[in-house]
């Protein structure tokens, strides 16, 4: 006999379209200057998205800028993708504005997402895990995820918690 959460997981969409946005002023400036660089966090996210069976539909790099973050959120909420993943801007620096900018778009915040990610991170990096304000939430039947900019944190979050994204989508759409 299956459990209710397993039944809901089974009802989630089999495929999900993902938009991936790196939030980094330094990387954005390199893009603007036409410089080559590695975006390891986005590369980790791309691999995890494929492993989870999701389809990457768009990948952008923006600055730690409230206006750019709002434009990305609005474009996503009016577009066809199911999941928006931000990497970066979730720390405690004065430049880190992802959470403050994106939170108003969330109809319901998934507090447990950030709590669980910090718990998992604590096992790997110790008390420095408190320095991320990572979160997730739903809006208009879609999922928005705000992750740290660290490649290891991105991989940990998506490979540990990403399997429940279709479940979240199913619940958000009912």
N, C-alpha and C. Protein backbone atom coordinates (compact mmCIF):
# COMPACT_ATOMS: atom_id res chain seq x y z
N UNK A 1 0.85 -1.18 0.00
CA UNK A 1 0.00 0.00 0.00
C UNK A 1 0.90 1.24 0.00
N UNK A 2 0.64 2.16 -0.91
CA UNK A 2 1.48 3.35 -0.99
C UNK A 2 1.02 4.40 0.02
N UNK A 3 1.92 5.32 0.28
CA UNK A 3 1.65 6.40 1.22
C UNK A 3 1.13 7.60 0.43
N UNK A 4 0.36 8.51 1.08
CA UNK A 4 -0.19 9.66 0.36
C UNK A 4 0.86 10.49 -0.37
N UNK A 5 2.03 10.73 0.24
CA UNK A 5 3.03 11.56 -0.45
C UNK A 5 3.57 10.84 -1.69
N UNK A 6 3.63 9.51 -1.64
CA UNK A 6 4.08 8.76 -2.83
C UNK A 6 3.04 8.85 -3.94
N UNK A 7 1.76 8.82 -3.57
CA UNK A 7 0.69 8.96 -4.56
C UNK A 7 0.76 10.34 -5.21
N UNK A 8 0.97 11.37 -4.41
CA UNK A 8 1.08 12.73 -4.95
C UNK A 8 2.31 12.86 -5.85
N UNK A 9 3.43 12.27 -5.42
CA UNK A 9 4.63 12.31 -6.24
C UNK A 9 4.35 11.69 -7.61
N UNK A 10 3.62 10.59 -7.62
CA UNK A 10 3.31 9.91 -8.87
C UNK A 10 2.40 10.76 -9.77
N UNK A 11 1.61 11.66 -9.18
CA UNK A 11 0.71 12.51 -9.96
C UNK A 11 1.40 13.75 -10.52
N UNK A 12 2.60 14.04 -10.06
CA UNK A 12 3.34 15.20 -10.55
C UNK A 12 3.69 15.05 -12.02
N UNK A 13 3.96 16.15 -12.70
CA UNK A 13 4.30 16.06 -14.12
C UNK A 13 5.55 15.20 -14.34
N UNK A 14 5.51 14.40 -15.39
CA UNK A 14 6.65 13.52 -15.70
C UNK A 14 7.82 14.32 -16.28
N UNK A 15 7.51 15.41 -16.93
CA UNK A 15 8.53 16.30 -17.50
C UNK A 15 8.30 17.70 -16.94
N UNK A 16 9.38 18.41 -16.71
CA UNK A 16 9.28 19.80 -16.26
C UNK A 16 10.29 20.64 -17.03
N UNK A 17 9.84 21.79 -17.48
CA UNK A 17 10.70 22.72 -18.20
C UNK A 17 11.30 23.70 -17.20
N UNK A 18 12.62 23.87 -17.28
CA UNK A 18 13.35 24.66 -16.28
C UNK A 18 14.04 25.85 -16.94
N UNK A 19 13.97 26.97 -16.26
CA UNK A 19 14.74 28.17 -16.62
C UNK A 19 15.77 28.35 -15.52
N UNK A 20 17.03 28.55 -15.90
CA UNK A 20 18.14 28.65 -14.96
C UNK A 20 18.77 30.03 -15.08
N UNK A 21 18.89 30.72 -13.95
CA UNK A 21 19.44 32.08 -13.95
C UNK A 21 20.56 32.17 -12.91
N UNK A 22 21.76 32.49 -13.38
CA UNK A 22 22.89 32.76 -12.50
C UNK A 22 22.82 34.23 -12.09
N UNK A 23 22.89 34.49 -10.79
CA UNK A 23 22.88 35.86 -10.26
C UNK A 23 24.29 36.15 -9.75
N UNK A 24 25.05 36.91 -10.54
CA UNK A 24 26.43 37.21 -10.19
C UNK A 24 26.89 38.45 -10.95
N UNK A 25 27.18 39.50 -10.21
CA UNK A 25 27.65 40.73 -10.84
C UNK A 25 28.96 40.51 -11.58
N UNK A 26 29.89 39.78 -10.96
CA UNK A 26 31.20 39.59 -11.60
C UNK A 26 31.08 38.77 -12.88
N UNK A 27 30.26 37.74 -12.89
CA UNK A 27 30.08 36.95 -14.11
C UNK A 27 29.33 37.74 -15.18
N UNK A 28 28.33 38.49 -14.75
CA UNK A 28 27.56 39.31 -15.68
C UNK A 28 28.49 40.32 -16.38
N UNK A 29 29.37 40.94 -15.61
CA UNK A 29 30.30 41.90 -16.19
C UNK A 29 31.24 41.23 -17.19
N UNK A 30 31.66 40.00 -16.90
CA UNK A 30 32.49 39.26 -17.86
C UNK A 30 31.73 38.99 -19.15
N UNK A 31 30.47 38.65 -19.04
CA UNK A 31 29.63 38.45 -20.22
C UNK A 31 29.57 39.74 -21.03
N UNK A 32 29.36 40.85 -20.35
CA UNK A 32 29.25 42.15 -21.02
C UNK A 32 30.55 42.52 -21.75
N UNK A 33 31.69 42.09 -21.18
CA UNK A 33 32.99 42.38 -21.82
C UNK A 33 33.38 41.31 -22.84
N UNK A 34 32.57 40.28 -22.96
CA UNK A 34 32.86 39.21 -23.91
C UNK A 34 33.96 38.27 -23.46
N UNK A 35 34.23 38.24 -22.16
CA UNK A 35 35.29 37.38 -21.62
C UNK A 35 34.79 35.95 -21.44
N UNK A 36 35.67 35.01 -21.60
CA UNK A 36 35.36 33.60 -21.34
C UNK A 36 35.53 33.33 -19.84
N UNK A 37 34.68 32.46 -19.30
CA UNK A 37 34.77 32.09 -17.89
C UNK A 37 33.95 30.82 -17.68
N UNK A 38 34.16 30.18 -16.55
CA UNK A 38 33.38 29.01 -16.18
C UNK A 38 32.29 29.41 -15.21
N UNK A 39 31.09 28.95 -15.47
CA UNK A 39 29.97 29.14 -14.55
C UNK A 39 29.69 27.76 -13.95
N UNK A 40 30.52 27.39 -12.97
CA UNK A 40 30.46 26.03 -12.41
C UNK A 40 29.12 25.73 -11.76
N UNK A 41 28.52 26.70 -11.10
CA UNK A 41 27.23 26.46 -10.45
C UNK A 41 26.15 26.15 -11.48
N UNK A 42 26.11 26.92 -12.55
CA UNK A 42 25.12 26.66 -13.60
C UNK A 42 25.41 25.34 -14.30
N UNK A 43 26.69 25.01 -14.46
CA UNK A 43 27.04 23.72 -15.06
C UNK A 43 26.56 22.57 -14.18
N UNK A 44 26.74 22.69 -12.86
CA UNK A 44 26.25 21.66 -11.93
C UNK A 44 24.72 21.57 -12.00
N UNK A 45 24.07 22.73 -12.07
CA UNK A 45 22.61 22.73 -12.16
C UNK A 45 22.15 22.07 -13.44
N UNK A 46 22.81 22.36 -14.54
CA UNK A 46 22.45 21.76 -15.83
C UNK A 46 22.55 20.23 -15.76
N UNK A 47 23.62 19.72 -15.17
CA UNK A 47 23.77 18.27 -15.02
C UNK A 47 22.67 17.68 -14.14
N UNK A 48 22.39 18.34 -13.03
CA UNK A 48 21.36 17.85 -12.11
C UNK A 48 19.98 17.88 -12.77
N UNK A 49 19.70 18.93 -13.50
CA UNK A 49 18.42 19.06 -14.20
C UNK A 49 18.23 17.88 -15.16
N UNK A 50 19.27 17.54 -15.89
CA UNK A 50 19.21 16.40 -16.81
C UNK A 50 19.03 15.09 -16.05
N UNK A 51 19.78 14.91 -14.96
CA UNK A 51 19.66 13.68 -14.16
C UNK A 51 18.25 13.51 -13.58
N UNK A 52 17.62 14.61 -13.25
CA UNK A 52 16.28 14.57 -12.69
C UNK A 52 15.21 14.33 -13.77
N UNK A 53 15.61 14.37 -15.03
CA UNK A 53 14.68 14.15 -16.12
C UNK A 53 13.94 15.40 -16.55
N UNK A 54 14.42 16.56 -16.11
CA UNK A 54 13.81 17.82 -16.49
C UNK A 54 14.48 18.33 -17.76
N UNK A 55 13.86 19.30 -18.38
CA UNK A 55 14.40 19.87 -19.62
C UNK A 55 14.80 21.33 -19.39
N UNK A 56 16.06 21.63 -19.64
CA UNK A 56 16.54 23.01 -19.51
C UNK A 56 16.11 23.79 -20.75
N UNK A 57 15.28 24.81 -20.53
CA UNK A 57 14.73 25.60 -21.62
C UNK A 57 15.41 26.95 -21.79
N UNK A 58 16.11 27.42 -20.77
CA UNK A 58 16.77 28.70 -20.86
C UNK A 58 17.80 28.85 -19.77
N UNK A 59 18.87 29.56 -20.10
CA UNK A 59 19.96 29.78 -19.15
C UNK A 59 20.47 31.20 -19.34
N UNK A 60 20.44 31.96 -18.26
CA UNK A 60 20.83 33.37 -18.30
C UNK A 60 21.83 33.68 -17.19
N UNK A 61 22.55 34.78 -17.37
CA UNK A 61 23.39 35.34 -16.32
C UNK A 61 22.98 36.79 -16.15
N UNK A 62 22.66 37.16 -14.91
CA UNK A 62 22.29 38.53 -14.62
C UNK A 62 23.12 39.03 -13.45
N UNK A 63 23.09 40.32 -13.27
CA UNK A 63 23.80 40.96 -12.16
C UNK A 63 22.98 40.87 -10.88
N UNK A 64 23.60 41.12 -9.75
CA UNK A 64 22.89 41.22 -8.47
C UNK A 64 22.13 42.54 -8.48
N UNK A 65 21.04 42.56 -9.20
CA UNK A 65 20.30 43.78 -9.45
C UNK A 65 18.81 43.50 -9.33
N UNK A 66 18.12 44.27 -8.48
CA UNK A 66 16.70 44.04 -8.24
C UNK A 66 15.88 44.10 -9.51
N UNK A 67 16.14 45.07 -10.37
CA UNK A 67 15.39 45.20 -11.62
C UNK A 67 15.57 43.99 -12.52
N UNK A 68 16.80 43.51 -12.65
CA UNK A 68 17.05 42.33 -13.48
C UNK A 68 16.37 41.10 -12.89
N UNK A 69 16.44 40.95 -11.57
CA UNK A 69 15.77 39.82 -10.91
C UNK A 69 14.26 39.87 -11.13
N UNK A 70 13.67 41.04 -10.99
CA UNK A 70 12.22 41.18 -11.20
C UNK A 70 11.84 40.82 -12.63
N UNK A 71 12.64 41.29 -13.60
CA UNK A 71 12.34 40.98 -15.00
C UNK A 71 12.38 39.48 -15.26
N UNK A 72 13.37 38.81 -14.66
CA UNK A 72 13.46 37.35 -14.84
C UNK A 72 12.25 36.65 -14.22
N UNK A 73 11.85 37.07 -13.03
CA UNK A 73 10.69 36.46 -12.37
C UNK A 73 9.43 36.69 -13.19
N UNK A 74 9.23 37.90 -13.67
CA UNK A 74 8.02 38.22 -14.44
C UNK A 74 8.00 37.49 -15.78
N UNK A 75 9.16 37.40 -16.43
CA UNK A 75 9.25 36.66 -17.69
C UNK A 75 8.89 35.19 -17.46
N UNK A 76 9.40 34.62 -16.39
CA UNK A 76 9.12 33.23 -16.06
C UNK A 76 7.63 33.03 -15.76
N UNK A 77 7.07 33.87 -14.91
CA UNK A 77 5.68 33.70 -14.49
C UNK A 77 4.70 33.86 -15.65
N UNK A 78 5.08 34.56 -16.69
CA UNK A 78 4.20 34.71 -17.85
C UNK A 78 4.60 33.77 -18.99
N UNK A 79 5.62 32.96 -18.77
CA UNK A 79 6.11 32.07 -19.82
C UNK A 79 5.71 30.62 -19.63
N UNK A 80 6.24 29.75 -20.46
CA UNK A 80 5.83 28.34 -20.45
C UNK A 80 6.58 27.42 -19.47
N UNK A 81 7.68 27.88 -18.90
CA UNK A 81 8.47 26.99 -18.03
C UNK A 81 7.74 26.70 -16.73
N UNK A 82 8.11 25.57 -16.11
CA UNK A 82 7.50 25.12 -14.87
C UNK A 82 8.32 25.51 -13.63
N UNK A 83 9.65 25.54 -13.79
CA UNK A 83 10.55 25.76 -12.66
C UNK A 83 11.56 26.84 -13.01
N UNK A 84 11.75 27.77 -12.11
CA UNK A 84 12.79 28.79 -12.24
C UNK A 84 13.79 28.58 -11.12
N UNK A 85 15.05 28.42 -11.50
CA UNK A 85 16.11 28.23 -10.51
C UNK A 85 17.08 29.41 -10.61
N UNK A 86 17.21 30.13 -9.51
CA UNK A 86 18.23 31.16 -9.38
C UNK A 86 19.40 30.56 -8.62
N UNK A 87 20.63 30.79 -9.09
CA UNK A 87 21.82 30.43 -8.31
C UNK A 87 22.56 31.72 -8.00
N UNK A 88 22.78 31.96 -6.72
CA UNK A 88 23.53 33.15 -6.30
C UNK A 88 22.64 34.21 -5.69
N UNK A 89 23.29 35.07 -4.92
CA UNK A 89 22.59 36.19 -4.31
C UNK A 89 21.78 35.84 -3.08
N UNK A 90 22.05 34.68 -2.47
CA UNK A 90 21.27 34.25 -1.32
C UNK A 90 22.02 34.39 0.01
N UNK A 91 23.20 34.97 -0.04
CA UNK A 91 24.01 35.11 1.16
C UNK A 91 23.67 36.34 1.97
N UNK A 92 24.64 36.80 2.74
CA UNK A 92 24.41 37.93 3.65
C UNK A 92 25.18 39.19 3.25
N UNK A 93 25.79 39.18 2.09
CA UNK A 93 26.48 40.37 1.59
C UNK A 93 25.45 41.46 1.29
N UNK A 94 25.89 42.71 1.35
CA UNK A 94 24.98 43.80 0.99
C UNK A 94 24.55 43.70 -0.47
N UNK A 95 25.32 43.02 -1.30
CA UNK A 95 24.99 42.84 -2.72
C UNK A 95 23.95 41.74 -2.94
N UNK A 96 23.77 40.86 -1.97
CA UNK A 96 22.87 39.72 -2.11
C UNK A 96 21.42 40.15 -1.92
N UNK A 97 20.70 40.29 -3.04
CA UNK A 97 19.32 40.79 -3.00
C UNK A 97 18.31 39.82 -3.62
N UNK A 98 18.75 38.62 -3.95
CA UNK A 98 17.85 37.67 -4.60
C UNK A 98 16.63 37.37 -3.75
N UNK A 99 16.83 37.04 -2.49
CA UNK A 99 15.70 36.65 -1.64
C UNK A 99 14.71 37.79 -1.46
N UNK A 100 15.21 38.97 -1.12
CA UNK A 100 14.31 40.12 -0.90
C UNK A 100 13.53 40.47 -2.17
N UNK A 101 14.15 40.30 -3.32
CA UNK A 101 13.51 40.67 -4.58
C UNK A 101 12.51 39.61 -5.02
N UNK A 102 12.81 38.35 -4.83
CA UNK A 102 11.96 37.27 -5.32
C UNK A 102 10.83 36.91 -4.36
N UNK A 103 11.06 37.02 -3.08
CA UNK A 103 10.05 36.62 -2.08
C UNK A 103 8.67 37.23 -2.35
N UNK A 104 8.53 38.50 -2.73
CA UNK A 104 7.18 39.04 -2.98
C UNK A 104 6.43 38.35 -4.11
N UNK A 105 7.13 37.68 -5.01
CA UNK A 105 6.47 36.96 -6.10
C UNK A 105 5.89 35.62 -5.65
N UNK A 106 6.36 35.11 -4.52
CA UNK A 106 5.93 33.79 -4.05
C UNK A 106 4.56 33.89 -3.40
N UNK A 107 3.63 33.08 -3.89
CA UNK A 107 2.31 33.02 -3.27
C UNK A 107 2.38 32.22 -1.97
N UNK A 108 3.21 31.18 -2.00
CA UNK A 108 3.45 30.36 -0.81
C UNK A 108 4.93 30.00 -0.79
N UNK A 109 5.56 30.29 0.33
CA UNK A 109 6.98 29.95 0.48
C UNK A 109 7.10 28.56 1.07
N UNK A 110 8.04 27.79 0.58
CA UNK A 110 8.31 26.44 1.08
C UNK A 110 9.45 26.54 2.09
N UNK A 111 9.11 26.94 3.31
CA UNK A 111 10.12 27.17 4.35
C UNK A 111 11.00 25.96 4.56
N UNK A 112 10.42 24.78 4.47
CA UNK A 112 11.18 23.55 4.69
C UNK A 112 12.31 23.35 3.71
N UNK A 113 12.20 23.93 2.52
CA UNK A 113 13.26 23.78 1.52
C UNK A 113 14.57 24.34 2.05
N UNK A 114 14.55 25.59 2.48
CA UNK A 114 15.76 26.21 3.01
C UNK A 114 16.24 25.54 4.28
N UNK A 115 15.29 25.16 5.14
CA UNK A 115 15.66 24.49 6.39
C UNK A 115 16.37 23.18 6.11
N UNK A 116 15.82 22.39 5.20
CA UNK A 116 16.41 21.10 4.89
C UNK A 116 17.75 21.26 4.18
N UNK A 117 17.86 22.23 3.27
CA UNK A 117 19.14 22.45 2.59
C UNK A 117 20.21 22.86 3.59
N UNK A 118 19.87 23.73 4.53
CA UNK A 118 20.85 24.13 5.55
C UNK A 118 21.25 22.94 6.42
N UNK A 119 20.30 22.07 6.72
CA UNK A 119 20.61 20.88 7.50
C UNK A 119 21.56 19.95 6.73
N UNK A 120 21.27 19.73 5.48
CA UNK A 120 22.15 18.89 4.65
C UNK A 120 23.52 19.53 4.50
N UNK A 121 23.54 20.83 4.31
CA UNK A 121 24.81 21.56 4.15
C UNK A 121 25.63 21.50 5.42
N UNK A 122 24.96 21.58 6.56
CA UNK A 122 25.66 21.53 7.84
C UNK A 122 26.50 20.26 7.96
N UNK A 123 25.96 19.16 7.47
CA UNK A 123 26.68 17.89 7.51
C UNK A 123 27.96 17.92 6.68
N UNK A 124 27.98 18.78 5.65
CA UNK A 124 29.13 18.84 4.76
C UNK A 124 30.10 19.97 5.10
N UNK A 125 29.56 21.14 5.50
CA UNK A 125 30.45 22.28 5.70
C UNK A 125 30.41 22.86 7.11
N UNK A 126 29.59 22.28 7.97
CA UNK A 126 29.52 22.78 9.33
C UNK A 126 28.64 24.01 9.46
N UNK A 127 28.94 24.79 10.48
CA UNK A 127 28.06 25.92 10.83
C UNK A 127 28.02 27.03 9.78
N UNK A 128 28.92 27.03 8.81
CA UNK A 128 28.86 28.03 7.73
C UNK A 128 27.56 27.90 6.93
N UNK A 129 26.86 26.79 7.10
CA UNK A 129 25.58 26.58 6.41
C UNK A 129 24.55 27.65 6.78
N UNK A 130 24.71 28.28 7.93
CA UNK A 130 23.74 29.31 8.33
C UNK A 130 23.81 30.55 7.45
N UNK A 131 24.86 30.68 6.66
CA UNK A 131 25.06 31.89 5.87
C UNK A 131 24.25 31.93 4.59
N UNK A 132 23.53 30.85 4.27
CA UNK A 132 22.66 30.90 3.10
C UNK A 132 21.22 31.15 3.52
N UNK A 133 20.54 31.92 2.71
CA UNK A 133 19.12 32.18 2.93
C UNK A 133 18.30 31.50 1.83
N UNK A 134 18.83 30.42 1.27
CA UNK A 134 18.16 29.70 0.19
C UNK A 134 16.70 29.44 0.55
N UNK A 135 15.85 29.51 -0.47
CA UNK A 135 14.43 29.27 -0.26
C UNK A 135 13.80 28.81 -1.56
N UNK A 136 12.56 28.42 -1.48
CA UNK A 136 11.77 28.06 -2.65
C UNK A 136 10.32 28.40 -2.35
N UNK A 137 9.54 28.48 -3.40
CA UNK A 137 8.12 28.75 -3.23
C UNK A 137 7.38 28.56 -4.53
N UNK A 138 6.07 28.69 -4.46
CA UNK A 138 5.24 28.52 -5.64
C UNK A 138 4.49 29.81 -5.94
N UNK A 139 4.22 29.99 -7.23
CA UNK A 139 3.44 31.13 -7.72
C UNK A 139 2.84 30.73 -9.06
N UNK A 140 1.56 30.97 -9.22
CA UNK A 140 0.86 30.68 -10.47
C UNK A 140 1.06 29.24 -10.93
N UNK A 141 1.11 28.31 -9.99
CA UNK A 141 1.26 26.90 -10.32
C UNK A 141 2.65 26.53 -10.78
N UNK A 142 3.61 27.38 -10.50
CA UNK A 142 5.00 27.17 -10.90
C UNK A 142 5.88 27.17 -9.65
N UNK A 143 7.10 26.67 -9.80
CA UNK A 143 8.04 26.59 -8.69
C UNK A 143 9.22 27.53 -8.94
N UNK A 144 9.56 28.31 -7.91
CA UNK A 144 10.73 29.18 -7.97
C UNK A 144 11.68 28.73 -6.86
N UNK A 145 12.94 28.51 -7.22
CA UNK A 145 13.95 28.02 -6.29
C UNK A 145 15.12 28.99 -6.28
N UNK A 146 15.53 29.42 -5.10
CA UNK A 146 16.67 30.33 -4.94
C UNK A 146 17.78 29.59 -4.20
N UNK A 147 18.87 29.31 -4.91
CA UNK A 147 19.97 28.53 -4.37
C UNK A 147 21.21 29.38 -4.16
N UNK A 148 22.11 28.93 -3.30
CA UNK A 148 23.40 29.62 -3.17
C UNK A 148 24.18 29.54 -4.50
N UNK A 149 25.21 30.33 -4.59
CA UNK A 149 26.04 30.33 -5.79
C UNK A 149 27.13 29.29 -5.80
N UNK A 150 27.32 28.58 -4.72
CA UNK A 150 28.34 27.55 -4.62
C UNK A 150 27.98 26.33 -5.47
N UNK A 151 28.89 25.85 -6.32
CA UNK A 151 28.60 24.64 -7.11
C UNK A 151 28.22 23.45 -6.24
N UNK A 152 28.90 23.26 -5.11
CA UNK A 152 28.59 22.14 -4.22
C UNK A 152 27.18 22.27 -3.64
N UNK A 153 26.79 23.48 -3.28
CA UNK A 153 25.45 23.70 -2.72
C UNK A 153 24.37 23.47 -3.77
N UNK A 154 24.64 23.89 -5.00
CA UNK A 154 23.69 23.69 -6.09
C UNK A 154 23.48 22.19 -6.33
N UNK A 155 24.59 21.46 -6.40
CA UNK A 155 24.50 20.02 -6.62
C UNK A 155 23.76 19.35 -5.46
N UNK A 156 24.12 19.69 -4.24
CA UNK A 156 23.48 19.12 -3.06
C UNK A 156 21.97 19.39 -3.07
N UNK A 157 21.61 20.62 -3.31
CA UNK A 157 20.19 21.00 -3.29
C UNK A 157 19.40 20.26 -4.35
N UNK A 158 19.88 20.29 -5.56
CA UNK A 158 19.10 19.70 -6.65
C UNK A 158 19.07 18.18 -6.59
N UNK A 159 20.19 17.56 -6.25
CA UNK A 159 20.20 16.10 -6.22
C UNK A 159 19.51 15.55 -4.97
N UNK A 160 19.46 16.31 -3.90
CA UNK A 160 18.79 15.85 -2.68
C UNK A 160 17.31 16.21 -2.65
N UNK A 161 16.96 17.39 -3.16
CA UNK A 161 15.60 17.90 -3.01
C UNK A 161 14.84 18.01 -4.33
N UNK A 162 15.54 17.98 -5.44
CA UNK A 162 14.91 18.18 -6.75
C UNK A 162 13.90 17.12 -7.12
N UNK A 163 14.05 15.92 -6.59
CA UNK A 163 13.11 14.86 -6.93
C UNK A 163 11.69 15.18 -6.47
N UNK A 164 11.55 16.11 -5.55
CA UNK A 164 10.23 16.52 -5.07
C UNK A 164 9.66 17.72 -5.82
N UNK A 165 10.37 18.25 -6.79
CA UNK A 165 9.85 19.39 -7.55
C UNK A 165 8.55 19.05 -8.28
N UNK A 166 8.44 17.89 -8.96
CA UNK A 166 7.15 17.57 -9.60
C UNK A 166 6.01 17.46 -8.59
N UNK A 167 6.30 16.94 -7.42
CA UNK A 167 5.31 16.84 -6.35
C UNK A 167 4.83 18.25 -5.98
N UNK A 168 5.77 19.17 -5.81
CA UNK A 168 5.41 20.56 -5.47
C UNK A 168 4.56 21.18 -6.58
N UNK A 169 4.91 20.90 -7.83
CA UNK A 169 4.12 21.43 -8.95
C UNK A 169 2.70 20.87 -8.94
N UNK A 170 2.58 19.58 -8.69
CA UNK A 170 1.25 18.96 -8.64
C UNK A 170 0.39 19.64 -7.55
N UNK A 171 0.95 19.76 -6.37
CA UNK A 171 0.20 20.35 -5.26
C UNK A 171 -0.14 21.81 -5.55
N UNK A 172 0.80 22.56 -6.12
CA UNK A 172 0.57 23.98 -6.42
C UNK A 172 -0.50 24.18 -7.47
N UNK A 173 -0.72 23.17 -8.28
CA UNK A 173 -1.71 23.29 -9.37
C UNK A 173 -3.08 22.73 -9.02
N UNK A 174 -3.23 22.23 -7.79
CA UNK A 174 -4.53 21.68 -7.39
C UNK A 174 -5.27 22.64 -6.47
